[in-house]
Amino acid sequence: MFSHTDFHIKSKTRVKKLIQAGFWRGISTQDLDRWCNEFETQKEQELLSFLLDSLVFKSQNQITGLIHQLFDVQLSNLIDWTADLAPGTNHTSLFEVLCLPYPMDINKKIRLVPAIKMDDPPTKSGPLIARILNKHKINNKYMCWPWDTEKLSSNELIYTIFFDDFIGTGEQFVEFFNNLTTNNIIDTNNSIFYYIAFSGTQSGIDYIENETKGLVKVCVAETIKESNKFFSGFSIRYEELEKHLSITLDEYVASLRITYLDFLVKKKIRNKDVFGFGDLELTHVFSHGTPNGTLPIFWSSNSEYHALFQR
């Protein structure tokens, strides 16, 4: 028999143990308790239980693993890095090549470019990921700003690797890429383009590859499916729950959605995208920040409400 009380205890205990084990650096058990105390009514407690159970937090160590997977598995299977970048050498991986302290002219053949606009703040995810890559010993000489026409239109450039932490709807990247082509910053006839991210929605990946007419190949370490959407995918993730309800699962999800919206009003969370940017309904958080497709209930603090994470 399903018990909401037991499920709530189990969900909160799981998260608390991860925090106590040091996996969620920057988040304390006190932070968790304070956030949980924001949910006061029984319906709000039920909502909280499912939010905690659905929450995906990527720690710094997990991000390290994702970086290696992107470069040594995803990209290495797509590009002929030994022949194009390091012929006649004994380097064992693409990541090793990118970490060379003295890359000679290799950095002219491959550029790592954050997917940002010139007026974006330094807190934008692109620059943050650039700093994370640098901390993992990737040489800064491979890095290139997306407005550096000289480097990005060079005849020596073979691979242009755009990067970010997360791919949501894909619309922002397509706008970014079209701006580069329109202003002749990149030469689509000369370089091969890839866009890499730690995580991404399948719909966003498909949108980018379709809208760029195959010019950009997208690689993500983890693909987020439709079933991962908190409300839209609820009946898939919790299919067995219907056996223990007095109403249909669809009706329960509808009531949960109402509880969520009422909670946002109650706590004065006035974000335009109440279900995350593009209505993605995500429950994903990185140790360095939260994607804009994640539900604002996780990150949108104000004077009336202390969220668990920051944007």
C-alpha atoms as a PDB file:
ATOM      1  CA  MET A   1       0.000   0.000   0.000  1.00  0.00           C
ATOM      2  CA  PHE A   2       1.371   3.418  -1.004  1.00  0.00           C
ATOM      3  CA  SER A   3       1.733   5.929   1.821  1.00  0.00           C
ATOM      4  CA  HIS A   4       2.376   9.593   1.038  1.00  0.00           C
ATOM      5  CA  THR A   5       3.892  10.016   4.493  1.00  0.00           C
ATOM      6  CA  ASP A   6       6.371   7.178   3.955  1.00  0.00           C
ATOM      7  CA  PHE A   7       7.141   8.412   0.446  1.00  0.00           C
ATOM      8  CA  HIS A   8       7.802  11.915   1.751  1.00  0.00           C
ATOM      9  CA  ILE A   9      10.187  10.618   4.430  1.00  0.00           C
ATOM     10  CA  LYS A  10      11.965   8.403   1.899  1.00  0.00           C
ATOM     11  CA  SER A  11      12.365  11.219  -0.654  1.00  0.00           C
ATOM     12  CA  LYS A  12      13.699  13.711   1.867  1.00  0.00           C
ATOM     13  CA  THR A  13      15.997  11.144   3.500  1.00  0.00           C
ATOM     14  CA  ARG A  14      17.556  10.285   0.128  1.00  0.00           C
ATOM     15  CA  VAL A  15      18.404  13.915  -0.565  1.00  0.00           C
ATOM     16  CA  LYS A  16      19.630  14.517   2.986  1.00  0.00           C
ATOM     17  CA  LYS A  17      22.013  11.544   2.772  1.00  0.00           C
ATOM     18  CA  LEU A  18      23.481  12.870  -0.477  1.00  0.00           C
ATOM     19  CA  ILE A  19      24.072  16.238   1.183  1.00  0.00           C
ATOM     20  CA  GLN A  20      25.615  14.662   4.283  1.00  0.00           C
ATOM     21  CA  ALA A  21      27.901  12.552   2.099  1.00  0.00           C
ATOM     22  CA  GLY A  22      29.270  15.731   0.523  1.00  0.00           C
ATOM     23  CA  PHE A  23      27.888  15.176  -2.980  1.00  0.00           C
ATOM     24  CA  TRP A  24      25.914  18.422  -2.952  1.00  0.00           C
ATOM     25  CA  ARG A  25      28.607  20.959  -2.140  1.00  0.00           C
ATOM     26  CA  GLY A  26      27.223  24.364  -1.277  1.00  0.00           C
ATOM     27  CA  ILE A  27      23.933  22.918  -0.012  1.00  0.00           C
ATOM     28  CA  SER A  28      23.533  22.081   3.678  1.00  0.00           C
ATOM     29  CA  THR A  29      20.915  19.980   5.447  1.00  0.00           C
ATOM     30  CA  GLN A  30      19.789  23.240   7.070  1.00  0.00           C
ATOM     31  CA  ASP A  31      19.176  24.677   3.590  1.00  0.00           C
ATOM     32  CA  LEU A  32      17.123  21.606   2.747  1.00  0.00           C
ATOM     33  CA  ASP A  33      15.078  21.789   5.949  1.00  0.00           C
ATOM     34  CA  ARG A  34      14.399  25.496   5.465  1.00  0.00           C
ATOM     35  CA  TRP A  35      13.177  24.885   1.918  1.00  0.00           C
ATOM     36  CA  CYS A  36      11.022  21.924   2.934  1.00  0.00           C
ATOM     37  CA  ASN A  37       9.411  24.038   5.650  1.00  0.00           C
ATOM     38  CA  GLU A  38       8.087  26.340   2.920  1.00  0.00           C
ATOM     39  CA  PHE A  39       5.630  23.572   2.009  1.00  0.00           C
ATOM     40  CA  GLU A  40       2.984  23.722   4.720  1.00  0.00           C
ATOM     41  CA  THR A  41      -0.263  22.040   3.680  1.00  0.00           C
ATOM     42  CA  GLN A  42      -0.766  18.339   3.001  1.00  0.00           C
ATOM     43  CA  LYS A  43      -1.087  18.963  -0.738  1.00  0.00           C
ATOM     44  CA  GLU A  44       2.078  21.049  -0.713  1.00  0.00           C
ATOM     45  CA  GLN A  45       3.873  18.277   1.164  1.00  0.00           C
ATOM     46  CA  GLU A  46       2.793  15.784  -1.515  1.00  0.00           C
ATOM     47  CA  LEU A  47       4.107  18.122  -4.206  1.00  0.00           C
ATOM     48  CA  LEU A  48       7.387  18.466  -2.303  1.00  0.00           C
ATOM     49  CA  SER A  49       7.776  14.685  -2.084  1.00  0.00           C
ATOM     50  CA  PHE A  50       7.585  14.269  -5.854  1.00  0.00           C
ATOM     51  CA  LEU A  51       9.840  17.284  -6.452  1.00  0.00           C
ATOM     52  CA  LEU A  52      12.508  15.751  -4.211  1.00  0.00           C
ATOM     53  CA  ASP A  53      12.100  12.328  -5.787  1.00  0.00           C
ATOM     54  CA  SER A  54      12.436  13.790  -9.298  1.00  0.00           C
ATOM     55  CA  LEU A  55      15.338  16.106  -8.499  1.00  0.00           C
ATOM     56  CA  VAL A  56      18.546  15.471 -10.479  1.00  0.00           C
ATOM     57  CA  PHE A  57      21.619  17.213  -9.045  1.00  0.00           C
ATOM     58  CA  LYS A  58      24.959  16.987 -10.868  1.00  0.00           C
ATOM     59  CA  SER A  59      27.891  17.338  -8.469  1.00  0.00           C
ATOM     60  CA  GLN A  60      31.351  18.603  -9.384  1.00  0.00           C
ATOM     61  CA  ASN A  61      32.664  15.038  -9.556  1.00  0.00           C
ATOM     62  CA  GLN A  62      29.824  14.004 -11.842  1.00  0.00           C
ATOM     63  CA  ILE A  63      30.533  16.976 -14.098  1.00  0.00           C
ATOM     64  CA  THR A  64      34.157  15.821 -14.333  1.00  0.00           C
ATOM     65  CA  GLY A  65      32.873  12.484 -15.594  1.00  0.00           C
ATOM     66  CA  LEU A  66      30.573  14.209 -18.087  1.00  0.00           C
ATOM     67  CA  ILE A  67      33.478  16.282 -19.444  1.00  0.00           C
ATOM     68  CA  HIS A  68      35.561  13.178 -20.097  1.00  0.00           C
ATOM     69  CA  GLN A  69      32.586  11.419 -21.661  1.00  0.00           C
ATOM     70  CA  LEU A  70      31.969  14.335 -24.016  1.00  0.00           C
ATOM     71  CA  PHE A  71      35.551  14.624 -25.212  1.00  0.00           C
ATOM     72  CA  ASP A  72      36.851  11.068 -24.991  1.00  0.00           C
ATOM     73  CA  VAL A  73      33.700   9.238 -26.071  1.00  0.00           C
ATOM     74  CA  GLN A  74      31.262  11.486 -27.912  1.00  0.00           C
ATOM     75  CA  LEU A  75      33.638  13.747 -29.834  1.00  0.00           C
ATOM     76  CA  SER A  76      36.368  11.137 -30.254  1.00  0.00           C
ATOM     77  CA  ASN A  77      33.890   8.904 -32.080  1.00  0.00           C
ATOM     78  CA  LEU A  78      32.872  11.721 -34.409  1.00  0.00           C
ATOM     79  CA  ILE A  79      36.148  13.345 -35.405  1.00  0.00           C
ATOM     80  CA  ASP A  80      39.388  11.841 -36.652  1.00  0.00           C
ATOM     81  CA  TRP A  81      41.441  13.664 -34.065  1.00  0.00           C
ATOM     82  CA  THR A  82      44.599  11.557 -34.443  1.00  0.00           C
ATOM     83  CA  ALA A  83      44.911  12.275 -38.177  1.00  0.00           C
ATOM     84  CA  ASP A  84      43.613  15.856 -38.164  1.00  0.00           C
ATOM     85  CA  LEU A  85      45.066  17.192 -34.921  1.00  0.00           C
ATOM     86  CA  ALA A  86      47.968  15.055 -33.751  1.00  0.00           C
ATOM     87  CA  PRO A  87      49.355  12.879 -36.584  1.00  0.00           C
ATOM     88  CA  GLY A  88      52.479  10.904 -35.788  1.00  0.00           C
ATOM     89  CA  THR A  89      52.139  11.369 -32.017  1.00  0.00           C
ATOM     90  CA  ASN A  90      51.497   8.878 -29.235  1.00  0.00           C
ATOM     91  CA  HIS A  91      48.661  10.769 -27.549  1.00  0.00           C
ATOM     92  CA  THR A  92      46.017   8.373 -26.260  1.00  0.00           C
ATOM     93  CA  SER A  93      42.935  10.606 -26.202  1.00  0.00           C
ATOM     94  CA  LEU A  94      41.426  13.825 -27.505  1.00  0.00           C
ATOM     95  CA  PHE A  95      41.241  15.120 -23.937  1.00  0.00           C
ATOM     96  CA  GLU A  96      45.005  14.593 -23.588  1.00  0.00           C
ATOM     97  CA  VAL A  97      45.589  16.626 -26.743  1.00  0.00           C
ATOM     98  CA  LEU A  98      43.427  19.465 -25.433  1.00  0.00           C
ATOM     99  CA  CYS A  99      45.378  19.455 -22.175  1.00  0.00           C
ATOM    100  CA  LEU A 100      48.797  19.809 -23.831  1.00  0.00           C
ATOM    101  CA  PRO A 101      50.668  22.708 -22.181  1.00  0.00           C
ATOM    102  CA  TYR A 102      52.327  23.517 -25.510  1.00  0.00           C
ATOM    103  CA  PRO A 103      49.868  22.632 -28.292  1.00  0.00           C
ATOM    104  CA  MET A 104      52.097  24.094 -31.025  1.00  0.00           C
ATOM    105  CA  ASP A 105      49.694  24.796 -33.925  1.00  0.00           C
ATOM    106  CA  ILE A 106      47.030  22.266 -32.916  1.00  0.00           C
ATOM    107  CA  ASN A 107      44.927  25.015 -31.344  1.00  0.00           C
ATOM    108  CA  LYS A 108      44.589  26.618 -34.778  1.00  0.00           C
ATOM    109  CA  LYS A 109      42.830  23.472 -36.018  1.00  0.00           C
ATOM    110  CA  ILE A 110      40.258  23.130 -33.233  1.00  0.00           C
ATOM    111  CA  ARG A 111      38.530  25.869 -31.234  1.00  0.00           C
ATOM    112  CA  LEU A 112      36.342  25.599 -28.145  1.00  0.00           C
ATOM    113  CA  VAL A 113      33.739  28.361 -28.206  1.00  0.00           C
ATOM    114  CA  PRO A 114      31.209  29.242 -25.465  1.00  0.00           C
ATOM    115  CA  ALA A 115      27.704  29.740 -26.847  1.00  0.00           C
ATOM    116  CA  ILE A 116      27.212  33.292 -25.584  1.00  0.00           C
ATOM    117  CA  LYS A 117      26.469  36.759 -26.915  1.00  0.00           C
ATOM    118  CA  MET A 118      28.865  39.662 -26.459  1.00  0.00           C
ATOM    119  CA  ASP A 119      26.527  41.397 -23.993  1.00  0.00           C
ATOM    120  CA  ASP A 120      25.958  38.296 -21.839  1.00  0.00           C
ATOM    121  CA  PRO A 121      27.147  38.663 -18.207  1.00  0.00           C
ATOM    122  CA  PRO A 122      30.174  36.660 -16.961  1.00  0.00           C
ATOM    123  CA  THR A 123      27.751  34.650 -14.815  1.00  0.00           C
ATOM    124  CA  LYS A 124      26.195  33.167 -17.967  1.00  0.00           C
ATOM    125  CA  SER A 125      26.729  29.413 -18.192  1.00  0.00           C
ATOM    126  CA  GLY A 126      29.144  29.595 -21.151  1.00  0.00           C
ATOM    127  CA  PRO A 127      31.937  31.483 -19.325  1.00  0.00           C
ATOM    128  CA  LEU A 128      31.325  29.347 -16.224  1.00  0.00           C
ATOM    129  CA  ILE A 129      31.844  26.172 -18.269  1.00  0.00           C
ATOM    130  CA  ALA A 130      34.971  27.683 -19.837  1.00  0.00           C
ATOM    131  CA  ARG A 131      36.412  28.154 -16.350  1.00  0.00           C
ATOM    132  CA  ILE A 132      35.408  24.597 -15.400  1.00  0.00           C
ATOM    133  CA  LEU A 133      37.153  23.222 -18.509  1.00  0.00           C
ATOM    134  CA  ASN A 134      40.238  25.241 -17.623  1.00  0.00           C
ATOM    135  CA  LYS A 135      40.207  23.789 -14.105  1.00  0.00           C
ATOM    136  CA  HIS A 136      40.273  20.361 -15.752  1.00  0.00           C
ATOM    137  CA  LYS A 137      43.559  21.370 -17.432  1.00  0.00           C
ATOM    138  CA  ILE A 138      42.166  22.060 -20.912  1.00  0.00           C
ATOM    139  CA  ASN A 139      44.535  24.653 -22.350  1.00  0.00           C
ATOM    140  CA  ASN A 140      43.106  28.163 -22.696  1.00  0.00           C
ATOM    141  CA  LYS A 141      44.803  28.450 -26.084  1.00  0.00           C
ATOM    142  CA  TYR A 142      42.013  26.327 -27.534  1.00  0.00           C
ATOM    143  CA  MET A 143      39.375  28.703 -26.178  1.00  0.00           C
ATOM    144  CA  CYS A 144      37.951  31.349 -28.450  1.00  0.00           C
ATOM    145  CA  TRP A 145      35.240  33.973 -27.994  1.00  0.00           C
ATOM    146  CA  PRO A 146      32.397  33.755 -30.540  1.00  0.00           C
ATOM    147  CA  TRP A 147      33.150  37.255 -31.840  1.00  0.00           C
ATOM    148  CA  ASP A 148      36.796  36.509 -32.719  1.00  0.00           C
ATOM    149  CA  THR A 149      36.400  36.567 -36.503  1.00  0.00           C
ATOM    150  CA  GLU A 150      40.114  36.120 -37.199  1.00  0.00           C
ATOM    151  CA  LYS A 151      40.329  32.784 -35.374  1.00  0.00           C
ATOM    152  CA  LEU A 152      36.904  31.435 -36.335  1.00  0.00           C
ATOM    153  CA  SER A 153      37.251  32.153 -40.056  1.00  0.00           C
ATOM    154  CA  SER A 154      40.847  30.919 -40.326  1.00  0.00           C
ATOM    155  CA  ASN A 155      41.570  28.554 -43.217  1.00  0.00           C
ATOM    156  CA  GLU A 156      43.515  26.368 -40.780  1.00  0.00           C
ATOM    157  CA  LEU A 157      40.463  25.749 -38.581  1.00  0.00           C
ATOM    158  CA  ILE A 158      39.003  22.243 -38.986  1.00  0.00           C
ATOM    159  CA  TYR A 159      36.725  21.833 -35.956  1.00  0.00           C
ATOM    160  CA  THR A 160      34.642  24.481 -34.187  1.00  0.00           C
ATOM    161  CA  ILE A 161      33.258  23.124 -30.910  1.00  0.00           C
ATOM    162  CA  PHE A 162      30.553  25.262 -29.315  1.00  0.00           C
ATOM    163  CA  PHE A 163      29.786  24.392 -25.699  1.00  0.00           C
ATOM    164  CA  ASP A 164      27.317  25.019 -22.895  1.00  0.00           C
ATOM    165  CA  ASP A 165      26.069  23.094 -19.876  1.00  0.00           C
ATOM    166  CA  PHE A 166      22.511  22.472 -21.047  1.00  0.00           C
ATOM    167  CA  ILE A 167      20.417  22.379 -24.211  1.00  0.00           C
ATOM    168  CA  GLY A 168      16.746  23.175 -23.678  1.00  0.00           C
ATOM    169  CA  THR A 169      14.513  24.184 -26.572  1.00  0.00           C
ATOM    170  CA  GLY A 170      17.511  24.824 -28.831  1.00  0.00           C
ATOM    171  CA  GLU A 171      16.064  28.157 -29.956  1.00  0.00           C
ATOM    172  CA  GLN A 172      18.736  30.288 -28.290  1.00  0.00           C
ATOM    173  CA  PHE A 173      21.572  28.367 -29.939  1.00  0.00           C
ATOM    174  CA  VAL A 174      19.988  28.546 -33.404  1.00  0.00           C
ATOM    175  CA  GLU A 175      19.656  32.324 -33.007  1.00  0.00           C
ATOM    176  CA  PHE A 176      23.280  32.453 -31.828  1.00  0.00           C
ATOM    177  CA  PHE A 177      24.534  30.328 -34.761  1.00  0.00           C
ATOM    178  CA  ASN A 178      22.523  32.253 -37.360  1.00  0.00           C
ATOM    179  CA  ASN A 179      23.986  35.495 -36.023  1.00  0.00           C
ATOM    180  CA  LEU A 180      27.512  34.133 -36.549  1.00  0.00           C
ATOM    181  CA  THR A 181      26.769  33.120 -40.129  1.00  0.00           C
ATOM    182  CA  THR A 182      24.897  36.326 -40.993  1.00  0.00           C
ATOM    183  CA  ASN A 183      27.803  38.454 -39.770  1.00  0.00           C
ATOM    184  CA  ASN A 184      30.389  36.250 -41.530  1.00  0.00           C
ATOM    185  CA  ILE A 185      32.135  35.441 -38.266  1.00  0.00           C
ATOM    186  CA  ILE A 186      32.262  31.746 -39.174  1.00  0.00           C
ATOM    187  CA  ASP A 187      32.819  30.070 -42.532  1.00  0.00           C
ATOM    188  CA  THR A 188      30.314  27.246 -42.929  1.00  0.00           C
ATOM    189  CA  ASN A 189      32.213  25.938 -45.960  1.00  0.00           C
ATOM    190  CA  ASN A 190      35.504  25.621 -44.136  1.00  0.00           C
ATOM    191  CA  SER A 191      34.955  24.299 -40.595  1.00  0.00           C
ATOM    192  CA  ILE A 192      33.002  21.362 -39.168  1.00  0.00           C
ATOM    193  CA  PHE A 193      30.698  22.419 -36.321  1.00  0.00           C
ATOM    194  CA  TYR A 194      29.741  20.609 -33.126  1.00  0.00           C
ATOM    195  CA  TYR A 195      27.711  21.745 -30.147  1.00  0.00           C
ATOM    196  CA  ILE A 196      28.379  19.892 -26.898  1.00  0.00           C
ATOM    197  CA  ALA A 197      26.627  20.060 -23.529  1.00  0.00           C
ATOM    198  CA  PHE A 198      26.406  18.045 -20.340  1.00  0.00           C
ATOM    199  CA  SER A 199      22.666  17.461 -20.792  1.00  0.00           C
ATOM    200  CA  GLY A 200      20.046  18.243 -23.392  1.00  0.00           C
ATOM    201  CA  THR A 201      16.483  17.518 -24.384  1.00  0.00           C
ATOM    202  CA  GLN A 202      15.946  15.324 -27.428  1.00  0.00           C
ATOM    203  CA  SER A 203      13.537  17.892 -28.858  1.00  0.00           C
ATOM    204  CA  GLY A 204      16.180  20.630 -28.485  1.00  0.00           C
ATOM    205  CA  ILE A 205      18.856  18.486 -30.126  1.00  0.00           C
ATOM    206  CA  ASP A 206      16.575  17.685 -33.066  1.00  0.00           C
ATOM    207  CA  TYR A 207      15.571  21.339 -33.415  1.00  0.00           C
ATOM    208  CA  ILE A 208      19.186  22.533 -33.653  1.00  0.00           C
ATOM    209  CA  GLU A 209      20.248  19.910 -36.176  1.00  0.00           C
ATOM    210  CA  ASN A 210      17.152  20.525 -38.316  1.00  0.00           C
ATOM    211  CA  GLU A 211      17.264  24.327 -38.195  1.00  0.00           C
ATOM    212  CA  THR A 212      20.990  24.432 -39.032  1.00  0.00           C
ATOM    213  CA  LYS A 213      20.337  21.975 -41.887  1.00  0.00           C
ATOM    214  CA  GLY A 214      22.839  19.517 -40.501  1.00  0.00           C
ATOM    215  CA  LEU A 215      25.676  22.037 -40.280  1.00  0.00           C
ATOM    216  CA  VAL A 216      25.849  21.540 -36.514  1.00  0.00           C
ATOM    217  CA  LYS A 217      26.117  18.098 -34.950  1.00  0.00           C
ATOM    218  CA  VAL A 218      24.947  18.042 -31.331  1.00  0.00           C
ATOM    219  CA  CYS A 219      26.574  15.882 -28.651  1.00  0.00           C
ATOM    220  CA  VAL A 220      25.332  15.562 -25.075  1.00  0.00           C
ATOM    221  CA  ALA A 221      26.542  13.310 -22.287  1.00  0.00           C
ATOM    222  CA  GLU A 222      22.970  12.759 -21.100  1.00  0.00           C
ATOM    223  CA  THR A 223      19.729  13.037 -23.048  1.00  0.00           C
ATOM    224  CA  ILE A 224      16.633  14.270 -21.233  1.00  0.00           C
ATOM    225  CA  LYS A 225      13.464  12.607 -22.474  1.00  0.00           C
ATOM    226  CA  GLU A 226       9.855  13.779 -22.493  1.00  0.00           C
ATOM    227  CA  SER A 227       9.206  11.441 -19.568  1.00  0.00           C
ATOM    228  CA  ASN A 228      11.605  13.563 -17.486  1.00  0.00           C
ATOM    229  CA  LYS A 229       9.241  16.547 -17.604  1.00  0.00           C
ATOM    230  CA  PHE A 230       7.835  16.870 -14.100  1.00  0.00           C
ATOM    231  CA  PHE A 231       4.134  17.117 -14.934  1.00  0.00           C
ATOM    232  CA  SER A 232       3.911  15.941 -18.550  1.00  0.00           C
ATOM    233  CA  GLY A 233       5.958  12.827 -17.846  1.00  0.00           C
ATOM    234  CA  PHE A 234       4.533  12.157 -14.381  1.00  0.00           C
ATOM    235  CA  SER A 235       2.167   9.369 -15.482  1.00  0.00           C
ATOM    236  CA  ILE A 236       5.078   7.560 -17.144  1.00  0.00           C
ATOM    237  CA  ARG A 237       7.421   7.802 -14.172  1.00  0.00           C
ATOM    238  CA  TYR A 238       4.759   6.969 -11.578  1.00  0.00           C
ATOM    239  CA  GLU A 239       2.558   4.613 -13.568  1.00  0.00           C
ATOM    240  CA  GLU A 240       2.125   2.231 -10.616  1.00  0.00           C
ATOM    241  CA  LEU A 241       0.781   5.021  -8.412  1.00  0.00           C
ATOM    242  CA  GLU A 242      -2.667   4.862 -10.031  1.00  0.00           C
ATOM    243  CA  LYS A 243      -3.345   1.540  -8.295  1.00  0.00           C
ATOM    244  CA  HIS A 244      -3.321   3.357  -4.955  1.00  0.00           C
ATOM    245  CA  LEU A 245      -5.405   6.408  -5.903  1.00  0.00           C
ATOM    246  CA  SER A 246      -9.144   6.984  -5.662  1.00  0.00           C
ATOM    247  CA  ILE A 247      -8.962   9.097  -8.838  1.00  0.00           C
ATOM    248  CA  THR A 248      -7.232   8.567 -12.176  1.00  0.00           C
ATOM    249  CA  LEU A 249      -3.543   9.365 -12.466  1.00  0.00           C
ATOM    250  CA  ASP A 250      -4.285  12.135 -14.961  1.00  0.00           C
ATOM    251  CA  GLU A 251      -6.683  13.711 -12.462  1.00  0.00           C
ATOM    252  CA  TYR A 252      -4.056  13.462  -9.736  1.00  0.00           C
ATOM    253  CA  VAL A 253      -1.447  15.140 -11.949  1.00  0.00           C
ATOM    254  CA  ALA A 254      -3.938  17.915 -12.722  1.00  0.00           C
ATOM    255  CA  SER A 255      -4.509  18.498  -9.001  1.00  0.00           C
ATOM    256  CA  LEU A 256      -0.752  18.473  -8.400  1.00  0.00           C
ATOM    257  CA  ARG A 257      -0.325  21.101 -11.107  1.00  0.00           C
ATOM    258  CA  ILE A 258      -2.963  23.296  -9.422  1.00  0.00           C
ATOM    259  CA  THR A 259      -1.166  22.907  -6.082  1.00  0.00           C
ATOM    260  CA  TYR A 260       2.075  23.954  -7.783  1.00  0.00           C
ATOM    261  CA  LEU A 261       0.558  27.057  -9.385  1.00  0.00           C
ATOM    262  CA  ASP A 262      -1.203  28.043  -6.153  1.00  0.00           C
ATOM    263  CA  PHE A 263       2.103  27.665  -4.304  1.00  0.00           C
ATOM    264  CA  LEU A 264       3.841  30.022  -6.760  1.00  0.00           C
ATOM    265  CA  VAL A 265       1.145  32.640  -6.174  1.00  0.00           C
ATOM    266  CA  LYS A 266       1.278  32.147  -2.411  1.00  0.00           C
ATOM    267  CA  LYS A 267       5.066  32.579  -2.354  1.00  0.00           C
ATOM    268  CA  LYS A 268       5.001  35.445  -4.885  1.00  0.00           C
ATOM    269  CA  ILE A 269       7.131  33.570  -7.404  1.00  0.00           C
ATOM    270  CA  ARG A 270       6.263  35.692 -10.423  1.00  0.00           C
ATOM    271  CA  ASN A 271       8.431  34.191 -13.139  1.00  0.00           C
ATOM    272  CA  LYS A 272       7.027  34.488 -16.647  1.00  0.00           C
ATOM    273  CA  ASP A 273       7.915  30.865 -17.384  1.00  0.00           C
ATOM    274  CA  VAL A 274       6.135  29.140 -14.497  1.00  0.00           C
ATOM    275  CA  PHE A 275       7.027  25.707 -15.894  1.00  0.00           C
ATOM    276  CA  GLY A 276      10.571  26.676 -16.863  1.00  0.00           C
ATOM    277  CA  PHE A 277      11.728  28.197 -20.142  1.00  0.00           C
ATOM    278  CA  GLY A 278       9.939  26.581 -23.066  1.00  0.00           C
ATOM    279  CA  ASP A 279       7.628  24.779 -20.620  1.00  0.00           C
ATOM    280  CA  LEU A 280      10.355  22.158 -20.174  1.00  0.00           C
ATOM    281  CA  GLU A 281       9.264  21.361 -16.585  1.00  0.00           C
ATOM    282  CA  LEU A 282      12.777  20.214 -15.663  1.00  0.00           C
ATOM    283  CA  THR A 283      14.034  19.189 -12.247  1.00  0.00           C
ATOM    284  CA  HIS A 284      17.736  19.327 -13.162  1.00  0.00           C
ATOM    285  CA  VAL A 285      20.381  21.288 -11.263  1.00  0.00           C
ATOM    286  CA  PHE A 286      24.159  21.581 -11.747  1.00  0.00           C
ATOM    287  CA  SER A 287      26.571  22.358  -8.921  1.00  0.00           C
ATOM    288  CA  HIS A 288      27.492  25.608 -10.713  1.00  0.00           C
ATOM    289  CA  GLY A 289      23.942  26.739 -11.528  1.00  0.00           C
ATOM    290  CA  THR A 290      20.426  25.870 -12.625  1.00  0.00           C
ATOM    291  CA  PRO A 291      19.180  25.686 -16.251  1.00  0.00           C
ATOM    292  CA  ASN A 292      16.402  28.124 -17.147  1.00  0.00           C
ATOM    293  CA  GLY A 293      14.244  25.171 -18.184  1.00  0.00           C
ATOM    294  CA  THR A 294      14.123  23.976 -14.573  1.00  0.00           C
ATOM    295  CA  LEU A 295      10.964  24.694 -12.583  1.00  0.00           C
ATOM    296  CA  PRO A 296      11.368  28.086 -10.820  1.00  0.00           C
ATOM    297  CA  ILE A 297      10.111  26.562  -7.566  1.00  0.00           C
ATOM    298  CA  PHE A 298      13.662  25.182  -7.220  1.00  0.00           C
ATOM    299  CA  TRP A 299      15.604  28.418  -7.728  1.00  0.00           C
ATOM    300  CA  SER A 300      13.481  31.598  -7.734  1.00  0.00           C
ATOM    301  CA  SER A 301      13.953  33.177  -4.296  1.00  0.00           C
ATOM    302  CA  ASN A 302      12.353  36.382  -3.063  1.00  0.00           C
ATOM    303  CA  SER A 303      11.542  38.093   0.234  1.00  0.00           C
ATOM    304  CA  GLU A 304       8.696  35.623   0.800  1.00  0.00           C
ATOM    305  CA  TYR A 305      10.416  32.460  -0.339  1.00  0.00           C
ATOM    306  CA  HIS A 306      13.843  30.832   0.068  1.00  0.00           C
ATOM    307  CA  ALA A 307      14.493  28.445  -2.821  1.00  0.00           C
ATOM    308  CA  LEU A 308      16.927  25.562  -2.417  1.00  0.00           C
ATOM    309  CA  PHE A 309      19.143  26.502  -5.377  1.00  0.00           C
ATOM    310  CA  GLN A 310      20.291  29.567  -7.264  1.00  0.00           C
ATOM    311  CA  ARG A 311      19.856  30.313 -10.936  1.00  0.00           C
END
